[in-house]
Amino acid sequence: MEDPDFPVFDEFQHIDFPLPDETNVEGIIAVGGNLSPGMLLSAYSQGAFPWYSDDEPILWWNPDPRCVLFPERLHVSNRMERKLRNGNFTIRSDTRFEDVIKSCAGITRRHEDGTWINSDIIRSYCSLFELGWAHSIEAWVPADTVAGEYRNSMQVSDDGYLLAGGLYGISLGRCFFGESMFSNITDASKAAFISMVRALYSLGIEIIDCQITTPHLLSLGAEEISRSEYMSRLADLQKHPDFRGRWKLFES
């Protein structure tokens, strides 16, 4: 939970976080504060991110090792390549950010008793989206291809497409910090992720920060690197201009 007495920082204010070598063995480097734009952007630029439960103060993490994906090492299976080539999904960016983050919050995941994407997280990242720092990548399908029992639970676009899956994250310099993804239809989030990695690679993004290692991410080409290597790369990549604003990565 946020500290009501902690100062609110705007996007242009910078806060120094503790150095990683001062952290405990779990990777928590700071406790408390809030999710104001300046606090969040300062955290990501220094390798930290918030991850906590509703009944806890905000916990800021910088784990070691770090799970990242170098876009040029993306792995796509032949089966998934065929799905993408056949146009099973229509991929869009930044058209329904709030729906994406709320859908991520609603996903039940194995080995988790609920979600860390609470109302404070949703509100704060939606604010970052409005400021041009946060982004969503969305996989859509025609409504008439989805069975009726699923159709009513999915978000619909003005042109009759249903939100099948997607992901959201933060972009700073030549880094994209992935936060969470969801699927209402098999392979939808994977299609969004693969399409995003390829599009960002063409823009010059050099690292997709996946934060926490999962078998799913490893299957897509993610790998673990040491925190010291991650921090060194991050510092260099922050020197480049930001890809800020509403993204139109796939729309003509």
C-alpha atoms as a PDB file:
ATOM      1  CA  MET A   1       0.000   0.000   0.000  1.00  0.00           C
ATOM      2  CA  GLU A   2       1.104   3.544  -0.666  1.00  0.00           C
ATOM      3  CA  ASP A   3       2.391   5.825   2.096  1.00  0.00           C
ATOM      4  CA  PRO A   4      -0.069   8.767   2.227  1.00  0.00           C
ATOM      5  CA  ASP A   5       2.599  11.014   3.776  1.00  0.00           C
ATOM      6  CA  PHE A   6       5.234  10.373   1.120  1.00  0.00           C
ATOM      7  CA  PRO A   7       5.817  13.204  -1.399  1.00  0.00           C
ATOM      8  CA  VAL A   8       4.249  12.898  -4.840  1.00  0.00           C
ATOM      9  CA  PHE A   9       6.814  13.234  -7.639  1.00  0.00           C
ATOM     10  CA  ASP A  10       5.997  14.239 -11.191  1.00  0.00           C
ATOM     11  CA  GLU A  11       7.557  12.607 -14.243  1.00  0.00           C
ATOM     12  CA  PHE A  12      10.446  15.091 -14.363  1.00  0.00           C
ATOM     13  CA  GLN A  13      11.584  14.556 -10.773  1.00  0.00           C
ATOM     14  CA  HIS A  14      14.247  11.967 -10.049  1.00  0.00           C
ATOM     15  CA  ILE A  15      14.650   9.930  -6.851  1.00  0.00           C
ATOM     16  CA  ASP A  16      17.793   7.966  -6.066  1.00  0.00           C
ATOM     17  CA  PHE A  17      17.191   4.347  -5.065  1.00  0.00           C
ATOM     18  CA  PRO A  18      19.677   2.351  -2.958  1.00  0.00           C
ATOM     19  CA  LEU A  19      22.452   0.706  -4.951  1.00  0.00           C
ATOM     20  CA  PRO A  20      21.890  -2.994  -5.636  1.00  0.00           C
ATOM     21  CA  ASP A  21      24.878  -4.035  -3.547  1.00  0.00           C
ATOM     22  CA  GLU A  22      23.031  -2.668  -0.513  1.00  0.00           C
ATOM     23  CA  THR A  23      20.063  -4.974  -1.024  1.00  0.00           C
ATOM     24  CA  ASN A  24      19.206  -8.053   0.969  1.00  0.00           C
ATOM     25  CA  VAL A  25      19.601 -11.490  -0.583  1.00  0.00           C
ATOM     26  CA  GLU A  26      15.998 -11.546  -1.849  1.00  0.00           C
ATOM     27  CA  GLY A  27      16.476  -8.525  -4.088  1.00  0.00           C
ATOM     28  CA  ILE A  28      14.384  -5.988  -2.165  1.00  0.00           C
ATOM     29  CA  ILE A  29      16.229  -2.665  -2.274  1.00  0.00           C
ATOM     30  CA  ALA A  30      13.637  -0.297  -0.776  1.00  0.00           C
ATOM     31  CA  VAL A  31      10.330  -0.304   1.104  1.00  0.00           C
ATOM     32  CA  GLY A  32       7.556   2.273   1.080  1.00  0.00           C
ATOM     33  CA  GLY A  33       6.890   5.429  -0.910  1.00  0.00           C
ATOM     34  CA  ASN A  34       4.237   5.661  -3.580  1.00  0.00           C
ATOM     35  CA  LEU A  35       3.591   4.968  -7.261  1.00  0.00           C
ATOM     36  CA  SER A  36       3.718   8.550  -8.507  1.00  0.00           C
ATOM     37  CA  PRO A  37       5.184   9.032 -12.011  1.00  0.00           C
ATOM     38  CA  GLY A  38       8.566  10.303 -10.813  1.00  0.00           C
ATOM     39  CA  MET A  39       8.918   7.452  -8.347  1.00  0.00           C
ATOM     40  CA  LEU A  40       8.112   4.778 -10.927  1.00  0.00           C
ATOM     41  CA  LEU A  41      10.261   6.209 -13.706  1.00  0.00           C
ATOM     42  CA  SER A  42      13.168   6.702 -11.302  1.00  0.00           C
ATOM     43  CA  ALA A  43      12.853   3.097 -10.187  1.00  0.00           C
ATOM     44  CA  TYR A  44      12.847   1.601 -13.684  1.00  0.00           C
ATOM     45  CA  SER A  45      15.774   3.758 -14.799  1.00  0.00           C
ATOM     46  CA  GLN A  46      17.760   2.312 -11.876  1.00  0.00           C
ATOM     47  CA  GLY A  47      16.741  -1.317 -12.382  1.00  0.00           C
ATOM     48  CA  ALA A  48      13.998  -1.483  -9.741  1.00  0.00           C
ATOM     49  CA  PHE A  49      10.303  -2.299  -9.996  1.00  0.00           C
ATOM     50  CA  PRO A  50       7.375  -2.560  -7.528  1.00  0.00           C
ATOM     51  CA  TRP A  51       6.004  -5.958  -6.549  1.00  0.00           C
ATOM     52  CA  TYR A  52       3.946  -6.357  -3.389  1.00  0.00           C
ATOM     53  CA  SER A  53       0.643  -7.526  -1.930  1.00  0.00           C
ATOM     54  CA  ASP A  54      -2.257  -5.349  -0.824  1.00  0.00           C
ATOM     55  CA  ASP A  55      -1.454  -5.810   2.854  1.00  0.00           C
ATOM     56  CA  GLU A  56       2.220  -4.827   2.448  1.00  0.00           C
ATOM     57  CA  PRO A  57       3.995  -1.516   1.951  1.00  0.00           C
ATOM     58  CA  ILE A  58       5.364  -1.065  -1.573  1.00  0.00           C
ATOM     59  CA  LEU A  59       8.373  -3.341  -2.071  1.00  0.00           C
ATOM     60  CA  TRP A  60      10.952  -2.303  -4.686  1.00  0.00           C
ATOM     61  CA  TRP A  61      12.890  -5.187  -6.250  1.00  0.00           C
ATOM     62  CA  ASN A  62      16.131  -5.511  -8.184  1.00  0.00           C
ATOM     63  CA  PRO A  63      16.680  -9.283  -8.399  1.00  0.00           C
ATOM     64  CA  ASP A  64      19.862 -11.172  -9.155  1.00  0.00           C
ATOM     65  CA  PRO A  65      19.978 -12.814 -11.635  1.00  0.00           C
ATOM     66  CA  ARG A  66      17.777 -10.810 -13.998  1.00  0.00           C
ATOM     67  CA  CYS A  67      15.635 -12.368 -16.706  1.00  0.00           C
ATOM     68  CA  VAL A  68      15.982 -10.478 -20.001  1.00  0.00           C
ATOM     69  CA  LEU A  69      15.419 -11.083 -23.673  1.00  0.00           C
ATOM     70  CA  PHE A  70      17.776  -9.717 -26.291  1.00  0.00           C
ATOM     71  CA  PRO A  71      15.457  -9.145 -29.274  1.00  0.00           C
ATOM     72  CA  GLU A  72      17.859 -10.669 -31.779  1.00  0.00           C
ATOM     73  CA  ARG A  73      17.722 -13.933 -29.788  1.00  0.00           C
ATOM     74  CA  LEU A  74      13.939 -14.266 -29.852  1.00  0.00           C
ATOM     75  CA  HIS A  75      12.883 -17.874 -30.391  1.00  0.00           C
ATOM     76  CA  VAL A  76       9.673 -18.601 -32.287  1.00  0.00           C
ATOM     77  CA  SER A  77       8.486 -22.172 -32.856  1.00  0.00           C
ATOM     78  CA  ASN A  78       7.438 -23.303 -36.315  1.00  0.00           C
ATOM     79  CA  ARG A  79       3.880 -23.763 -35.069  1.00  0.00           C
ATOM     80  CA  MET A  80       3.734 -20.224 -33.712  1.00  0.00           C
ATOM     81  CA  GLU A  81       5.336 -18.829 -36.840  1.00  0.00           C
ATOM     82  CA  ARG A  82       2.562 -20.387 -38.912  1.00  0.00           C
ATOM     83  CA  LYS A  83      -0.108 -18.849 -36.672  1.00  0.00           C
ATOM     84  CA  LEU A  84       1.416 -15.418 -37.068  1.00  0.00           C
ATOM     85  CA  ARG A  85       1.852 -15.811 -40.794  1.00  0.00           C
ATOM     86  CA  ASN A  86      -1.745 -17.018 -41.209  1.00  0.00           C
ATOM     87  CA  GLY A  87      -3.085 -13.924 -39.486  1.00  0.00           C
ATOM     88  CA  ASN A  88      -4.827 -15.698 -36.606  1.00  0.00           C
ATOM     89  CA  PHE A  89      -4.387 -12.517 -34.556  1.00  0.00           C
ATOM     90  CA  THR A  90      -4.551  -8.825 -35.383  1.00  0.00           C
ATOM     91  CA  ILE A  91      -1.888  -7.034 -33.348  1.00  0.00           C
ATOM     92  CA  ARG A  92      -2.374  -3.448 -32.190  1.00  0.00           C
ATOM     93  CA  SER A  93      -0.582  -1.119 -29.796  1.00  0.00           C
ATOM     94  CA  ASP A  94      -1.797   1.405 -27.233  1.00  0.00           C
ATOM     95  CA  THR A  95      -5.469   1.208 -28.189  1.00  0.00           C
ATOM     96  CA  ARG A  96      -6.878  -0.291 -24.940  1.00  0.00           C
ATOM     97  CA  PHE A  97      -4.244   0.075 -22.229  1.00  0.00           C
ATOM     98  CA  GLU A  98      -6.640   0.089 -19.279  1.00  0.00           C
ATOM     99  CA  ASP A  99      -8.431  -3.012 -20.544  1.00  0.00           C
ATOM    100  CA  VAL A 100      -5.110  -4.814 -20.912  1.00  0.00           C
ATOM    101  CA  ILE A 101      -3.861  -4.054 -17.403  1.00  0.00           C
ATOM    102  CA  LYS A 102      -7.236  -4.947 -15.870  1.00  0.00           C
ATOM    103  CA  SER A 103      -7.243  -8.199 -17.820  1.00  0.00           C
ATOM    104  CA  CYS A 104      -3.739  -8.975 -16.531  1.00  0.00           C
ATOM    105  CA  ALA A 105      -5.012  -8.326 -13.003  1.00  0.00           C
ATOM    106  CA  GLY A 106      -7.849 -10.797 -13.490  1.00  0.00           C
ATOM    107  CA  ILE A 107      -5.729 -13.728 -14.608  1.00  0.00           C
ATOM    108  CA  THR A 108      -5.385 -16.585 -12.092  1.00  0.00           C
ATOM    109  CA  ARG A 109      -1.822 -17.888 -12.169  1.00  0.00           C
ATOM    110  CA  ARG A 110      -0.421 -21.115 -10.824  1.00  0.00           C
ATOM    111  CA  HIS A 111       1.378 -20.839  -7.481  1.00  0.00           C
ATOM    112  CA  GLU A 112      -0.153 -17.383  -6.800  1.00  0.00           C
ATOM    113  CA  ASP A 113      -2.947 -16.583  -4.343  1.00  0.00           C
ATOM    114  CA  GLY A 114      -4.385 -13.612  -6.196  1.00  0.00           C
ATOM    115  CA  THR A 115      -2.738 -10.743  -8.008  1.00  0.00           C
ATOM    116  CA  TRP A 116      -0.209  -8.019  -7.236  1.00  0.00           C
ATOM    117  CA  ILE A 117      -1.888  -5.757  -9.821  1.00  0.00           C
ATOM    118  CA  ASN A 118      -4.114  -3.888  -7.388  1.00  0.00           C
ATOM    119  CA  SER A 119      -6.146  -0.708  -7.849  1.00  0.00           C
ATOM    120  CA  ASP A 120      -3.130   1.504  -7.020  1.00  0.00           C
ATOM    121  CA  ILE A 121      -1.024  -0.248  -9.675  1.00  0.00           C
ATOM    122  CA  ILE A 122      -3.795   0.086 -12.265  1.00  0.00           C
ATOM    123  CA  ARG A 123      -4.347   3.776 -11.569  1.00  0.00           C
ATOM    124  CA  SER A 124      -0.633   4.619 -11.538  1.00  0.00           C
ATOM    125  CA  TYR A 125       0.287   2.771 -14.727  1.00  0.00           C
ATOM    126  CA  CYS A 126      -2.731   4.229 -16.514  1.00  0.00           C
ATOM    127  CA  SER A 127      -1.317   7.634 -15.542  1.00  0.00           C
ATOM    128  CA  LEU A 128       2.038   6.646 -17.052  1.00  0.00           C
ATOM    129  CA  PHE A 129       0.207   5.577 -20.197  1.00  0.00           C
ATOM    130  CA  GLU A 130      -1.481   8.976 -20.461  1.00  0.00           C
ATOM    131  CA  LEU A 131       1.972  10.573 -20.084  1.00  0.00           C
ATOM    132  CA  GLY A 132       3.376   8.397 -22.882  1.00  0.00           C
ATOM    133  CA  TRP A 133       5.683   6.139 -20.843  1.00  0.00           C
ATOM    134  CA  ALA A 134       3.573   2.985 -20.504  1.00  0.00           C
ATOM    135  CA  HIS A 135       2.359   0.913 -23.445  1.00  0.00           C
ATOM    136  CA  SER A 136       0.125  -2.002 -24.294  1.00  0.00           C
ATOM    137  CA  ILE A 137       0.452  -4.544 -27.084  1.00  0.00           C
ATOM    138  CA  GLU A 138      -2.825  -6.267 -27.909  1.00  0.00           C
ATOM    139  CA  ALA A 139      -3.864  -9.366 -29.854  1.00  0.00           C
ATOM    140  CA  TRP A 140      -7.369  -9.169 -31.324  1.00  0.00           C
ATOM    141  CA  VAL A 141      -9.603 -11.698 -33.108  1.00  0.00           C
ATOM    142  CA  PRO A 142     -12.880 -11.276 -35.052  1.00  0.00           C
ATOM    143  CA  ALA A 143     -15.857 -11.684 -32.733  1.00  0.00           C
ATOM    144  CA  ASP A 144     -17.468 -14.286 -34.982  1.00  0.00           C
ATOM    145  CA  THR A 145     -14.517 -16.644 -34.461  1.00  0.00           C
ATOM    146  CA  VAL A 146     -15.052 -16.851 -30.691  1.00  0.00           C
ATOM    147  CA  ALA A 147     -17.521 -19.191 -29.007  1.00  0.00           C
ATOM    148  CA  GLY A 148     -20.488 -17.500 -27.391  1.00  0.00           C
ATOM    149  CA  GLU A 149     -19.631 -18.472 -23.808  1.00  0.00           C
ATOM    150  CA  TYR A 150     -16.344 -16.567 -24.034  1.00  0.00           C
ATOM    151  CA  ARG A 151     -17.497 -13.641 -26.111  1.00  0.00           C
ATOM    152  CA  ASN A 152     -19.359 -11.768 -23.382  1.00  0.00           C
ATOM    153  CA  SER A 153     -16.326 -11.720 -21.063  1.00  0.00           C
ATOM    154  CA  MET A 154     -13.982 -10.150 -23.631  1.00  0.00           C
ATOM    155  CA  GLN A 155     -13.521  -6.488 -24.554  1.00  0.00           C
ATOM    156  CA  VAL A 156     -14.810  -5.566 -28.008  1.00  0.00           C
ATOM    157  CA  SER A 157     -13.427  -2.929 -30.366  1.00  0.00           C
ATOM    158  CA  ASP A 158     -15.465  -0.576 -32.509  1.00  0.00           C
ATOM    159  CA  ASP A 159     -14.708  -2.686 -35.575  1.00  0.00           C
ATOM    160  CA  GLY A 160     -16.022  -5.920 -34.077  1.00  0.00           C
ATOM    161  CA  TYR A 161     -12.811  -7.492 -32.780  1.00  0.00           C
ATOM    162  CA  LEU A 162     -12.375  -9.085 -29.348  1.00  0.00           C
ATOM    163  CA  LEU A 163      -9.360  -8.575 -27.103  1.00  0.00           C
ATOM    164  CA  ALA A 164      -7.807 -12.038 -27.036  1.00  0.00           C
ATOM    165  CA  GLY A 165      -4.621 -11.264 -25.117  1.00  0.00           C
ATOM    166  CA  GLY A 166      -1.855  -8.790 -24.601  1.00  0.00           C
ATOM    167  CA  LEU A 167       0.802  -7.300 -22.368  1.00  0.00           C
ATOM    168  CA  TYR A 168       1.895  -3.972 -20.941  1.00  0.00           C
ATOM    169  CA  GLY A 169       5.095  -2.366 -19.782  1.00  0.00           C
ATOM    170  CA  ILE A 170       7.283   0.735 -19.609  1.00  0.00           C
ATOM    171  CA  SER A 171       9.664   2.093 -22.249  1.00  0.00           C
ATOM    172  CA  LEU A 172      12.770   4.104 -21.339  1.00  0.00           C
ATOM    173  CA  GLY A 173      15.715   4.711 -23.640  1.00  0.00           C
ATOM    174  CA  ARG A 174      16.426   1.526 -25.562  1.00  0.00           C
ATOM    175  CA  CYS A 175      14.823  -0.711 -22.929  1.00  0.00           C
ATOM    176  CA  PHE A 176      11.325  -2.089 -22.604  1.00  0.00           C
ATOM    177  CA  PHE A 177      10.334  -3.246 -19.126  1.00  0.00           C
ATOM    178  CA  GLY A 178       7.645  -5.907 -19.431  1.00  0.00           C
ATOM    179  CA  GLU A 179       5.195  -6.059 -16.537  1.00  0.00           C
ATOM    180  CA  SER A 180       2.501  -8.652 -17.191  1.00  0.00           C
ATOM    181  CA  MET A 181       0.592 -10.452 -19.928  1.00  0.00           C
ATOM    182  CA  PHE A 182      -2.687 -12.316 -20.302  1.00  0.00           C
ATOM    183  CA  SER A 183      -4.496 -14.602 -22.747  1.00  0.00           C
ATOM    184  CA  ASN A 184      -8.193 -15.230 -23.225  1.00  0.00           C
ATOM    185  CA  ILE A 185      -7.395 -17.425 -26.223  1.00  0.00           C
ATOM    186  CA  THR A 186      -4.484 -19.848 -26.578  1.00  0.00           C
ATOM    187  CA  ASP A 187      -1.285 -18.191 -27.841  1.00  0.00           C
ATOM    188  CA  ALA A 188      -2.755 -14.675 -27.851  1.00  0.00           C
ATOM    189  CA  SER A 189      -0.245 -13.202 -25.395  1.00  0.00           C
ATOM    190  CA  LYS A 190       2.555 -15.058 -27.134  1.00  0.00           C
ATOM    191  CA  ALA A 191       1.513 -13.517 -30.459  1.00  0.00           C
ATOM    192  CA  ALA A 192       1.481 -10.054 -28.878  1.00  0.00           C
ATOM    193  CA  PHE A 193       4.873 -10.599 -27.250  1.00  0.00           C
ATOM    194  CA  ILE A 194       6.588 -11.935 -30.376  1.00  0.00           C
ATOM    195  CA  SER A 195       5.143  -9.166 -32.537  1.00  0.00           C
ATOM    196  CA  MET A 196       6.240  -6.546 -30.029  1.00  0.00           C
ATOM    197  CA  VAL A 197       9.802  -7.874 -29.772  1.00  0.00           C
ATOM    198  CA  ARG A 198      10.193  -7.820 -33.545  1.00  0.00           C
ATOM    199  CA  ALA A 199       8.760  -4.316 -33.849  1.00  0.00           C
ATOM    200  CA  LEU A 200      10.900  -2.920 -31.028  1.00  0.00           C
ATOM    201  CA  TYR A 201      14.014  -4.563 -32.454  1.00  0.00           C
ATOM    202  CA  SER A 202      13.442  -2.645 -35.667  1.00  0.00           C
ATOM    203  CA  LEU A 203      13.270   0.581 -33.618  1.00  0.00           C
ATOM    204  CA  GLY A 204      16.568  -0.114 -31.876  1.00  0.00           C
ATOM    205  CA  ILE A 205      15.364  -1.463 -28.513  1.00  0.00           C
ATOM    206  CA  GLU A 206      18.183  -3.672 -27.218  1.00  0.00           C
ATOM    207  CA  ILE A 207      16.752  -5.289 -24.080  1.00  0.00           C
ATOM    208  CA  ILE A 208      13.329  -6.549 -23.056  1.00  0.00           C
ATOM    209  CA  ASP A 209      13.402  -6.736 -19.260  1.00  0.00           C
ATOM    210  CA  CYS A 210      11.355  -9.773 -18.213  1.00  0.00           C
ATOM    211  CA  GLN A 211      12.174  -9.303 -14.505  1.00  0.00           C
ATOM    212  CA  ILE A 212      11.364 -12.761 -13.131  1.00  0.00           C
ATOM    213  CA  THR A 213      12.351 -16.008 -14.851  1.00  0.00           C
ATOM    214  CA  THR A 214       9.589 -18.353 -16.025  1.00  0.00           C
ATOM    215  CA  PRO A 215       9.708 -21.428 -18.290  1.00  0.00           C
ATOM    216  CA  HIS A 216       7.371 -19.613 -20.704  1.00  0.00           C
ATOM    217  CA  LEU A 217       9.784 -16.706 -21.147  1.00  0.00           C
ATOM    218  CA  LEU A 218      12.778 -19.010 -21.466  1.00  0.00           C
ATOM    219  CA  SER A 219      10.984 -20.879 -24.259  1.00  0.00           C
ATOM    220  CA  LEU A 220      10.785 -17.593 -26.168  1.00  0.00           C
ATOM    221  CA  GLY A 221      14.513 -16.951 -25.917  1.00  0.00           C
ATOM    222  CA  ALA A 222      14.785 -15.090 -22.616  1.00  0.00           C
ATOM    223  CA  GLU A 223      17.841 -15.753 -20.469  1.00  0.00           C
ATOM    224  CA  GLU A 224      19.301 -14.874 -17.117  1.00  0.00           C
ATOM    225  CA  ILE A 225      22.157 -12.416 -16.714  1.00  0.00           C
ATOM    226  CA  SER A 226      23.798 -11.152 -13.555  1.00  0.00           C
ATOM    227  CA  ARG A 227      22.445  -8.048 -11.893  1.00  0.00           C
ATOM    228  CA  SER A 228      25.780  -6.310 -12.380  1.00  0.00           C
ATOM    229  CA  GLU A 229      25.675  -6.947 -16.135  1.00  0.00           C
ATOM    230  CA  TYR A 230      22.052  -5.817 -16.289  1.00  0.00           C
ATOM    231  CA  MET A 231      22.793  -2.585 -14.430  1.00  0.00           C
ATOM    232  CA  SER A 232      25.758  -1.819 -16.681  1.00  0.00           C
ATOM    233  CA  ARG A 233      23.723  -2.363 -19.850  1.00  0.00           C
ATOM    234  CA  LEU A 234      20.781  -0.410 -18.442  1.00  0.00           C
ATOM    235  CA  ALA A 235      22.934   2.626 -17.668  1.00  0.00           C
ATOM    236  CA  ASP A 236      24.231   2.710 -21.250  1.00  0.00           C
ATOM    237  CA  LEU A 237      20.823   2.231 -22.844  1.00  0.00           C
ATOM    238  CA  GLN A 238      19.280   5.049 -20.801  1.00  0.00           C
ATOM    239  CA  LYS A 239      21.521   7.519 -22.640  1.00  0.00           C
ATOM    240  CA  HIS A 240      19.435   7.160 -25.806  1.00  0.00           C
ATOM    241  CA  PRO A 241      16.217   9.072 -26.594  1.00  0.00           C
ATOM    242  CA  ASP A 242      12.933   7.656 -25.313  1.00  0.00           C
ATOM    243  CA  PHE A 243      10.248   6.242 -27.601  1.00  0.00           C
ATOM    244  CA  ARG A 244       7.623   8.217 -25.759  1.00  0.00           C
ATOM    245  CA  GLY A 245       4.014   8.833 -26.764  1.00  0.00           C
ATOM    246  CA  ARG A 246       1.279   6.646 -28.217  1.00  0.00           C
ATOM    247  CA  TRP A 247       2.767   3.777 -30.159  1.00  0.00           C
ATOM    248  CA  LYS A 248       1.514   2.761 -33.584  1.00  0.00           C
ATOM    249  CA  LEU A 249       3.816  -0.184 -34.134  1.00  0.00           C
ATOM    250  CA  PHE A 250       1.486  -2.214 -36.347  1.00  0.00           C
ATOM    251  CA  GLU A 251      -1.261   0.097 -37.507  1.00  0.00           C
ATOM    252  CA  SER A 252      -1.051   1.510 -41.024  1.00  0.00           C
END
